């Protein structure tokens, strides 16, 4: 094989591998109440399917995002995936039997009945993305919550922090999150103040009455360090 042709195929293989590894990763984090609580973490497969996982490791929804005809607006609920879905049968254990095994080409596994009590029944992997959880030896406010999603480590504020954000997400990988405390703005206490370099300012009691505590500065859908953060 000529050298130039060999290099071309090697480049295609590299790009294909990069696309696959990029596709299966933490793609979204959604919050409710302006960041008061995590709604879900989302992993996107190479087929464009979003798998939404709760903070304690349950698969809560899967499907395709529906975007509005104009603007960067998406429906809260996913459109059902039209491809093949396979469930664990006799090959599954007492935990996985009857649960989703494959969505399209993506395989899902779960922690079995003989794992740590903080792990049993929770999502273990989605494709090549593995999940781990805080154990019974960790602080009570994080016990059982997701600890890692692939290479991303999730850190939380502990029980000794300000009551407005104790137990909330502190960092995802290298992206830090901050929150308004009850000393900043009691009306917006517990809401997100920043995600990495992205700043969030919420309407307060001092603003117009029809603002309703909505977002004054910032975006409800914001990409930071490759992850889309969504406020509902």
Protein backbone atom coordinates (compact mmCIF):
# COMPACT_ATOMS: atom_id res chain seq x y z
CA UNK A 1 0.00 0.00 0.00
CA UNK A 2 1.49 3.37 -0.99
CA UNK A 3 2.57 5.49 1.97
CA UNK A 4 0.16 8.37 1.19
CA UNK A 5 -2.81 5.98 0.96
CA UNK A 6 -1.82 4.30 4.23
CA UNK A 7 -1.64 7.68 6.00
CA UNK A 8 -5.06 8.59 4.60
CA UNK A 9 -6.67 5.44 6.04
CA UNK A 10 -4.93 5.97 9.37
CA UNK A 11 -6.29 9.52 9.47
CA UNK A 12 -9.84 8.28 8.74
CA UNK A 13 -9.52 5.66 11.50
CA UNK A 14 -8.32 8.31 13.96
CA UNK A 15 -11.18 10.67 13.08
CA UNK A 16 -13.76 7.86 13.33
CA UNK A 17 -12.43 6.81 16.75
CA UNK A 18 -12.40 10.43 17.93
CA UNK A 19 -16.01 10.93 16.85
CA UNK A 20 -17.16 7.79 18.69
CA UNK A 21 -15.28 8.65 21.87
CA UNK A 22 -16.60 12.19 21.71
CA UNK A 23 -20.19 11.01 21.13
CA UNK A 24 -20.46 8.79 24.18
CA UNK A 25 -19.77 11.13 27.04
CA UNK A 26 -21.48 13.47 29.47
CA UNK A 27 -23.21 15.91 27.13
CA UNK A 28 -25.79 17.74 29.28
CA UNK A 29 -26.64 18.63 32.86
CA UNK A 30 -30.13 19.92 33.63
CA UNK A 31 -31.27 21.80 36.73
CA UNK A 32 -34.68 22.70 38.10
CA UNK A 33 -35.53 25.74 40.19
CA UNK A 34 -32.70 27.81 38.76
CA UNK A 35 -30.14 25.27 39.91
CA UNK A 36 -31.76 24.37 43.21
CA UNK A 37 -31.57 20.70 42.27
CA UNK A 38 -30.20 18.47 39.49
CA UNK A 39 -32.86 17.27 37.07
CA UNK A 40 -30.68 14.85 35.11
CA UNK A 41 -27.29 14.11 33.57
CA UNK A 42 -27.37 13.18 29.88
CA UNK A 43 -25.06 10.94 27.87
CA UNK A 44 -25.38 11.15 24.09
CA UNK A 45 -24.69 8.12 21.90
CA UNK A 46 -23.13 8.19 18.44
CA UNK A 47 -26.67 7.81 17.02
CA UNK A 48 -27.67 11.10 18.66
CA UNK A 49 -29.79 9.44 21.37
CA UNK A 50 -29.83 11.19 24.75
CA UNK A 51 -29.95 8.96 27.83
CA UNK A 52 -30.96 10.94 30.90
CA UNK A 53 -29.73 9.70 34.26
CA UNK A 54 -30.93 10.95 37.65
CA UNK A 55 -28.47 12.13 40.30
CA UNK A 56 -28.75 8.77 42.06
CA UNK A 57 -28.08 6.70 38.92
CA UNK A 58 -31.50 5.76 37.50
CA UNK A 59 -32.24 5.82 33.76
CA UNK A 60 -35.22 8.18 33.63
CA UNK A 61 -35.67 9.01 29.93
CA UNK A 62 -34.16 8.37 26.52
CA UNK A 63 -34.77 9.64 23.01
CA UNK A 64 -34.02 12.49 20.61
CA UNK A 65 -34.07 16.20 21.37
CA UNK A 66 -36.71 18.25 19.55
CA UNK A 67 -35.63 21.75 18.57
CA UNK A 68 -37.98 24.61 17.77
CA UNK A 69 -38.13 25.90 14.20
CA UNK A 70 -36.58 29.18 15.32
CA UNK A 71 -34.15 29.97 18.10
CA UNK A 72 -32.20 27.76 20.48
CA UNK A 73 -35.28 26.28 22.16
CA UNK A 74 -35.86 22.60 22.85
CA UNK A 75 -38.83 20.61 24.15
CA UNK A 76 -38.33 19.47 27.78
CA UNK A 77 -39.32 15.90 26.90
CA UNK A 78 -37.42 13.78 24.40
CA UNK A 79 -38.95 12.39 21.24
CA UNK A 80 -39.15 8.55 21.44
CA UNK A 81 -36.25 6.74 19.78
CA UNK A 82 -37.49 4.97 16.63
CA UNK A 83 -34.67 2.43 16.50
CA UNK A 84 -34.36 -0.96 18.16
CA UNK A 85 -34.60 -1.37 21.94
CA UNK A 86 -33.61 -4.66 23.59
CA UNK A 87 -34.32 -5.68 27.19
CA UNK A 88 -32.43 -8.07 29.44
CA UNK A 89 -34.02 -11.53 29.46
CA UNK A 90 -32.87 -14.80 30.99
CA UNK A 91 -29.26 -13.70 30.64
CA UNK A 92 -29.87 -10.92 33.14
CA UNK A 93 -29.59 -11.17 36.91
CA UNK A 94 -32.29 -10.33 39.47
CA UNK A 95 -31.50 -6.62 39.00
CA UNK A 96 -31.10 -6.25 35.24
CA UNK A 97 -33.80 -8.68 34.05
CA UNK A 98 -36.54 -6.72 32.30
CA UNK A 99 -34.48 -3.53 32.14
CA UNK A 100 -33.19 -1.91 28.97
CA UNK A 101 -30.08 -3.63 27.62
CA UNK A 102 -29.55 -1.84 24.31
CA UNK A 103 -30.81 1.36 22.74
CA UNK A 104 -29.77 1.23 19.13
CA UNK A 105 -26.13 0.13 19.13
CA UNK A 106 -25.49 1.33 22.70
CA UNK A 107 -25.35 -1.24 25.53
CA UNK A 108 -26.41 -0.37 29.10
CA UNK A 109 -25.28 -2.31 32.18
CA UNK A 110 -26.31 -2.07 35.84
CA UNK A 111 -24.66 -2.81 39.17
CA UNK A 112 -25.78 -6.26 40.33
CA UNK A 113 -27.23 -7.58 43.61
CA UNK A 114 -23.83 -8.35 45.13
CA UNK A 115 -22.38 -4.85 44.77
CA UNK A 116 -22.13 -2.20 47.50
CA UNK A 117 -25.54 -1.10 48.83
CA UNK A 118 -24.95 2.37 47.39
CA UNK A 119 -24.49 0.88 43.90
CA UNK A 120 -27.07 -1.92 43.54
CA UNK A 121 -29.44 -1.42 40.61
CA UNK A 122 -27.84 1.78 39.37
CA UNK A 123 -26.53 2.39 35.87
CA UNK A 124 -22.99 1.01 35.60
CA UNK A 125 -22.19 1.85 31.99
CA UNK A 126 -23.63 3.39 28.87
CA UNK A 127 -21.53 2.22 25.97
CA UNK A 128 -17.95 3.07 26.90
CA UNK A 129 -18.95 5.52 29.64
CA UNK A 130 -18.70 4.06 33.15
CA UNK A 131 -20.45 5.39 36.26
CA UNK A 132 -19.31 5.20 39.87
CA UNK A 133 -21.08 6.40 43.03
CA UNK A 134 -20.22 7.75 46.44
CA UNK A 135 -20.32 4.98 49.05
CA UNK A 136 -21.68 4.60 52.58
CA UNK A 137 -18.29 5.79 53.84
CA UNK A 138 -18.70 9.22 52.25
CA UNK A 139 -20.51 12.24 53.65
CA UNK A 140 -24.25 11.58 54.12
CA UNK A 141 -25.18 14.42 51.76
CA UNK A 142 -23.42 12.76 48.80
CA UNK A 143 -23.89 9.09 49.68
CA UNK A 144 -25.29 7.19 46.69
CA UNK A 145 -24.93 10.10 44.28
CA UNK A 146 -22.95 9.81 41.05
CA UNK A 147 -19.22 10.22 41.67
CA UNK A 148 -17.84 9.82 38.16
CA UNK A 149 -19.25 9.77 34.64
CA UNK A 150 -16.51 8.46 32.39
CA UNK A 151 -13.46 10.62 33.11
CA UNK A 152 -15.58 13.38 34.70
CA UNK A 153 -15.52 13.53 38.49
CA UNK A 154 -18.52 15.08 40.23
CA UNK A 155 -17.83 16.93 43.49
CA UNK A 156 -20.45 18.20 45.93
CA UNK A 157 -20.56 20.71 48.76
CA UNK A 158 -20.52 18.88 52.09
CA UNK A 159 -22.88 19.17 55.05
CA UNK A 160 -20.68 21.79 56.76
CA UNK A 161 -21.14 24.34 53.95
CA UNK A 162 -23.73 27.12 53.80
CA UNK A 163 -27.24 25.65 53.97
CA UNK A 164 -28.16 27.25 50.65
CA UNK A 165 -25.84 24.94 48.70
CA UNK A 166 -24.79 22.06 50.94
CA UNK A 167 -25.09 18.76 49.06
CA UNK A 168 -25.24 20.53 45.67
CA UNK A 169 -22.84 20.06 42.78
CA UNK A 170 -19.55 21.83 43.38
CA UNK A 171 -17.63 20.81 40.24
CA UNK A 172 -17.90 18.66 37.16
CA UNK A 173 -14.40 17.80 36.05
CA UNK A 174 -12.57 21.12 35.88
CA UNK A 175 -15.77 23.21 35.79
CA UNK A 176 -16.67 24.81 39.14
CA UNK A 177 -20.22 25.77 40.13
CA UNK A 178 -21.16 28.48 42.65
CA UNK A 179 -24.54 29.38 44.17
CA UNK A 180 -26.23 32.34 45.80
CA UNK A 181 -26.22 32.00 49.56
CA UNK A 182 -28.83 33.37 51.95
CA UNK A 183 -26.39 36.24 52.58
CA UNK A 184 -26.28 37.24 48.88
CA UNK A 185 -29.96 37.32 48.01
CA UNK A 186 -32.44 35.48 50.21
CA UNK A 187 -35.03 35.38 47.40
CA UNK A 188 -32.61 33.57 45.11
CA UNK A 189 -30.79 31.57 47.75
CA UNK A 190 -29.62 28.21 46.35
CA UNK A 191 -29.79 29.24 42.69
CA UNK A 192 -26.75 28.97 40.48
CA UNK A 193 -24.45 31.98 40.46
CA UNK A 194 -21.82 30.73 38.01
CA UNK A 195 -20.79 27.69 36.00
CA UNK A 196 -17.15 28.07 35.07
CA UNK A 197 -16.88 31.51 33.40
CA UNK A 198 -20.65 31.75 32.75
CA UNK A 199 -22.45 34.11 35.16
CA UNK A 200 -26.12 33.94 36.19
CA UNK A 201 -28.10 36.81 37.70
CA UNK A 202 -31.74 36.23 38.68
CA UNK A 203 -34.51 38.76 39.12
CA UNK A 204 -34.99 39.57 42.79
CA UNK A 205 -37.76 41.10 44.90
CA UNK A 206 -36.28 44.52 44.06
CA UNK A 207 -36.99 44.05 40.33
CA UNK A 208 -40.31 44.35 38.51
CA UNK A 209 -43.10 42.18 39.86
CA UNK A 210 -43.74 40.27 36.63
CA UNK A 211 -40.13 39.00 36.46
CA UNK A 212 -41.07 36.10 38.72
CA UNK A 213 -37.55 35.20 39.80
CA UNK A 214 -36.52 34.46 36.20
CA UNK A 215 -33.07 34.79 34.69
CA UNK A 216 -31.94 38.39 34.28
CA UNK A 217 -28.39 37.84 32.97
CA UNK A 218 -27.20 34.58 31.40
CA UNK A 219 -28.69 31.86 29.24
CA UNK A 220 -31.09 29.07 30.16
CA UNK A 221 -29.09 26.83 27.83
CA UNK A 222 -25.34 27.39 28.01
CA UNK A 223 -22.39 25.33 26.80
CA UNK A 224 -19.39 25.39 29.14
CA UNK A 225 -16.28 23.28 28.54
CA UNK A 226 -18.11 21.00 26.12
CA UNK A 227 -21.13 20.34 28.36
CA UNK A 228 -24.55 21.94 27.82
CA UNK A 229 -26.05 23.23 31.07
CA UNK A 230 -29.83 23.63 31.03
CA UNK A 231 -32.04 25.56 33.47
CA UNK A 232 -35.74 24.72 33.78
